[in-house]
Amino acid sequence: MFVSEGILKAYIASPRIAAMPHWSTKPPNDDASCFDLMSRAIFTAGLNWRMVEKKWPDFRKAFGGFSPAKVSKLSDRDVKALMNNTRIIRNEKKVWATIENARAVMDLEKEHGSFGNYISSFGDKEKLLLEDLPRRFKFMGPSTARMFLYMVGYPLTPTKEEKVWMKAHPEHH
């Protein structure tokens, strides 16, 4: 677990997440679950989240349960098969990014012991973590990094935009 339940409950939902009430902010217990959440945030970027959510069970099958070891070994042939899989979103750049990101997760496991330990190593240095994620991972822009960190239970400080939204929607916090 990355953060305590108390800290998690203290974080106030961002506008993007509040619009997705069934998305869990329960911290993942292993690197595969963390990688799954990161990949979901990446595939959701720029798309309708409902469509991604509907297809996510098929993503899990297609990407070996998001085991970083399995995904990191996907070949050109595997990618071609994924591009023919109508049950997933066939964005080849994001598929290749997922494979590269699996390798990056495995590097973090070697360096920190686990993906969770990497995230925890930043402590309350949110800005540094938000800068480091896009350097290490493909298709990880600022909004995607925030969504991912929210999903894994990292306590984020609300942005100006989020504070304005929260003030207008007190029922969500």
Protein backbone atom coordinates (compact mmCIF):
# COMPACT_ATOMS: atom_id res chain seq x y z
CA MET A 1 0.00 0.00 0.00
CA PHE A 2 1.38 3.41 -1.00
CA VAL A 3 -0.51 5.61 1.46
CA SER A 4 -2.71 5.13 4.49
CA GLU A 5 -6.47 5.07 4.09
CA GLY A 6 -6.65 8.23 6.24
CA ILE A 7 -4.37 10.16 3.89
CA LEU A 8 -6.27 8.80 0.91
CA LYS A 9 -9.60 9.95 2.32
CA ALA A 10 -8.09 13.37 3.01
CA TYR A 11 -7.42 13.93 -0.68
CA ILE A 12 -10.27 15.69 -2.43
CA ALA A 13 -11.22 14.31 -5.85
CA SER A 14 -10.22 16.22 -8.96
CA PRO A 15 -12.85 17.20 -11.56
CA ARG A 16 -11.68 14.47 -13.95
CA ILE A 17 -11.98 11.75 -11.33
CA ALA A 18 -15.20 13.05 -9.80
CA ALA A 19 -16.81 12.56 -13.20
CA MET A 20 -15.77 8.90 -12.95
CA PRO A 21 -17.27 7.94 -9.56
CA HIS A 22 -16.67 4.21 -9.86
CA TRP A 23 -12.91 4.55 -10.38
CA SER A 24 -11.18 3.27 -7.33
CA THR A 25 -8.48 5.09 -5.43
CA LYS A 26 -7.57 1.98 -3.47
CA PRO A 27 -3.79 1.65 -3.53
CA PRO A 28 -2.63 -1.38 -5.53
CA ASN A 29 -0.94 -4.25 -3.70
CA ASP A 30 1.56 -5.19 -6.41
CA ASP A 31 3.42 -3.85 -9.42
CA ALA A 32 1.10 -5.50 -11.95
CA SER A 33 -1.90 -3.70 -10.43
CA CYS A 34 0.02 -0.43 -10.41
CA PHE A 35 1.09 -0.94 -14.03
CA ASP A 36 -2.54 -1.76 -14.92
CA LEU A 37 -3.69 1.56 -13.45
CA MET A 38 -0.94 3.50 -15.17
CA SER A 39 -1.79 1.90 -18.52
CA ARG A 40 -5.49 2.62 -18.01
CA ALA A 41 -4.73 6.29 -17.34
CA ILE A 42 -2.59 6.42 -20.49
CA PHE A 43 -5.15 4.73 -22.75
CA THR A 44 -7.90 6.96 -21.34
CA ALA A 45 -6.02 10.16 -22.20
CA GLY A 46 -7.80 11.86 -25.07
CA LEU A 47 -10.57 9.28 -25.24
CA ASN A 48 -13.98 8.66 -23.75
CA TRP A 49 -13.30 7.04 -20.38
CA ARG A 50 -16.48 4.95 -20.59
CA MET A 51 -15.26 3.32 -23.78
CA VAL A 52 -11.90 2.50 -22.19
CA GLU A 53 -13.58 1.18 -19.05
CA LYS A 54 -15.86 -1.08 -21.09
CA LYS A 55 -12.88 -2.55 -22.95
CA TRP A 56 -10.54 -2.82 -19.95
CA PRO A 57 -11.21 -6.52 -19.15
CA ASP A 58 -10.15 -7.30 -22.73
CA PHE A 59 -7.05 -5.13 -22.30
CA ARG A 60 -6.12 -7.21 -19.25
CA LYS A 61 -6.41 -10.41 -21.28
CA ALA A 62 -4.50 -8.96 -24.23
CA PHE A 63 -1.69 -7.63 -22.03
CA GLY A 64 -1.17 -10.70 -19.84
CA GLY A 65 -2.81 -9.23 -16.74
CA PHE A 66 -0.38 -6.31 -17.02
CA SER A 67 2.47 -8.37 -15.67
CA PRO A 68 5.46 -6.12 -16.45
CA ALA A 69 7.58 -9.22 -17.17
CA LYS A 70 5.06 -10.55 -19.72
CA VAL A 71 4.31 -7.21 -21.37
CA SER A 72 8.01 -6.32 -21.67
CA LYS A 73 8.53 -9.41 -23.84
CA LEU A 74 5.84 -8.60 -26.42
CA SER A 75 7.27 -8.75 -29.94
CA ASP A 76 6.50 -7.08 -33.27
CA ARG A 77 4.35 -10.10 -34.06
CA ASP A 78 2.43 -9.67 -30.79
CA VAL A 79 1.86 -5.98 -31.56
CA LYS A 80 0.51 -6.88 -35.01
CA ALA A 81 -1.92 -9.28 -33.33
CA LEU A 82 -2.97 -6.55 -30.88
CA MET A 83 -3.60 -4.19 -33.80
CA ASN A 84 -6.11 -6.75 -35.13
CA ASN A 85 -7.82 -7.19 -31.74
CA THR A 86 -11.11 -5.29 -32.02
CA ARG A 87 -11.78 -5.73 -28.31
CA ILE A 88 -9.09 -3.20 -27.34
CA ILE A 89 -8.27 0.33 -28.45
CA ARG A 90 -5.83 -0.16 -31.30
CA ASN A 91 -3.55 2.81 -30.87
CA GLU A 92 -0.19 1.43 -31.95
CA LYS A 93 1.80 4.23 -30.32
CA LYS A 94 0.12 3.58 -26.98
CA VAL A 95 0.60 -0.19 -27.37
CA TRP A 96 4.34 0.29 -27.94
CA ALA A 97 4.42 2.79 -25.05
CA THR A 98 2.85 0.12 -22.82
CA ILE A 99 5.62 -2.32 -23.74
CA GLU A 100 8.32 0.29 -23.10
CA ASN A 101 6.63 1.28 -19.85
CA ALA A 102 6.66 -2.36 -18.71
CA ARG A 103 10.42 -2.32 -19.16
CA ALA A 104 10.63 0.93 -17.20
CA VAL A 105 8.60 -0.65 -14.38
CA MET A 106 11.02 -3.56 -14.32
CA ASP A 107 13.93 -1.11 -14.11
CA LEU A 108 12.22 0.55 -11.14
CA GLU A 109 11.79 -2.86 -9.50
CA LYS A 110 15.55 -3.38 -9.77
CA GLU A 111 16.34 0.12 -8.53
CA HIS A 112 13.73 0.47 -5.77
CA GLY A 113 12.44 -3.05 -5.11
CA SER A 114 8.98 -2.24 -6.49
CA PHE A 115 6.98 0.37 -8.38
CA GLY A 116 5.29 1.24 -5.10
CA ASN A 117 8.63 1.84 -3.40
CA TYR A 118 9.61 4.17 -6.24
CA ILE A 119 6.45 6.25 -5.72
CA SER A 120 6.85 6.18 -1.94
CA SER A 121 10.49 7.29 -2.23
CA PHE A 122 9.27 10.76 -3.17
CA GLY A 123 7.42 11.17 0.13
CA ASP A 124 5.59 14.48 -0.01
CA LYS A 125 7.67 15.79 -2.93
CA GLU A 126 4.69 15.75 -5.28
CA LYS A 127 6.20 18.21 -7.77
CA LEU A 128 9.34 16.10 -8.22
CA LEU A 129 7.28 12.94 -8.72
CA LEU A 130 5.04 14.68 -11.26
CA GLU A 131 8.18 15.75 -13.14
CA ASP A 132 9.86 12.33 -12.93
CA LEU A 133 6.95 10.22 -14.19
CA PRO A 134 6.91 11.76 -17.70
CA ARG A 135 10.69 11.37 -17.94
CA ARG A 136 10.49 7.65 -17.18
CA PHE A 137 7.27 6.68 -18.94
CA LYS A 138 5.91 7.13 -22.46
CA PHE A 139 2.60 8.93 -23.00
CA MET A 140 2.68 10.17 -19.40
CA GLY A 141 1.78 13.86 -19.63
CA PRO A 142 0.96 16.08 -16.65
CA SER A 143 -2.79 15.30 -16.56
CA THR A 144 -2.21 11.60 -17.06
CA ALA A 145 0.41 11.58 -14.29
CA ARG A 146 -2.04 13.28 -11.90
CA MET A 147 -4.81 10.83 -12.78
CA PHE A 148 -2.46 7.88 -12.30
CA LEU A 149 -1.22 9.15 -8.93
CA TYR A 150 -4.78 9.73 -7.79
CA MET A 151 -5.71 6.19 -8.85
CA VAL A 152 -2.85 4.65 -6.84
CA GLY A 153 -3.76 6.70 -3.78
CA TYR A 154 -0.93 9.24 -3.78
CA PRO A 155 -2.10 12.31 -1.83
CA LEU A 156 -2.12 15.14 -4.38
CA THR A 157 -2.46 18.82 -3.62
CA PRO A 158 -5.44 20.13 -5.61
CA THR A 159 -4.54 22.45 -8.50
CA LYS A 160 -6.15 25.89 -8.92
CA GLU A 161 -8.57 24.39 -11.43
CA GLU A 162 -9.47 21.59 -9.03
CA LYS A 163 -10.00 24.05 -6.16
CA VAL A 164 -12.38 26.13 -8.31
CA TRP A 165 -14.28 22.98 -9.26
CA MET A 166 -14.44 21.77 -5.64
CA LYS A 167 -15.79 25.14 -4.48
CA ALA A 168 -18.55 24.87 -7.09
CA HIS A 169 -19.28 21.22 -6.20
CA PRO A 170 -19.14 20.88 -2.40
CA GLU A 171 -21.20 17.68 -2.59
CA HIS A 172 -18.11 15.84 -3.96
CA HIS A 173 -15.84 16.42 -0.99
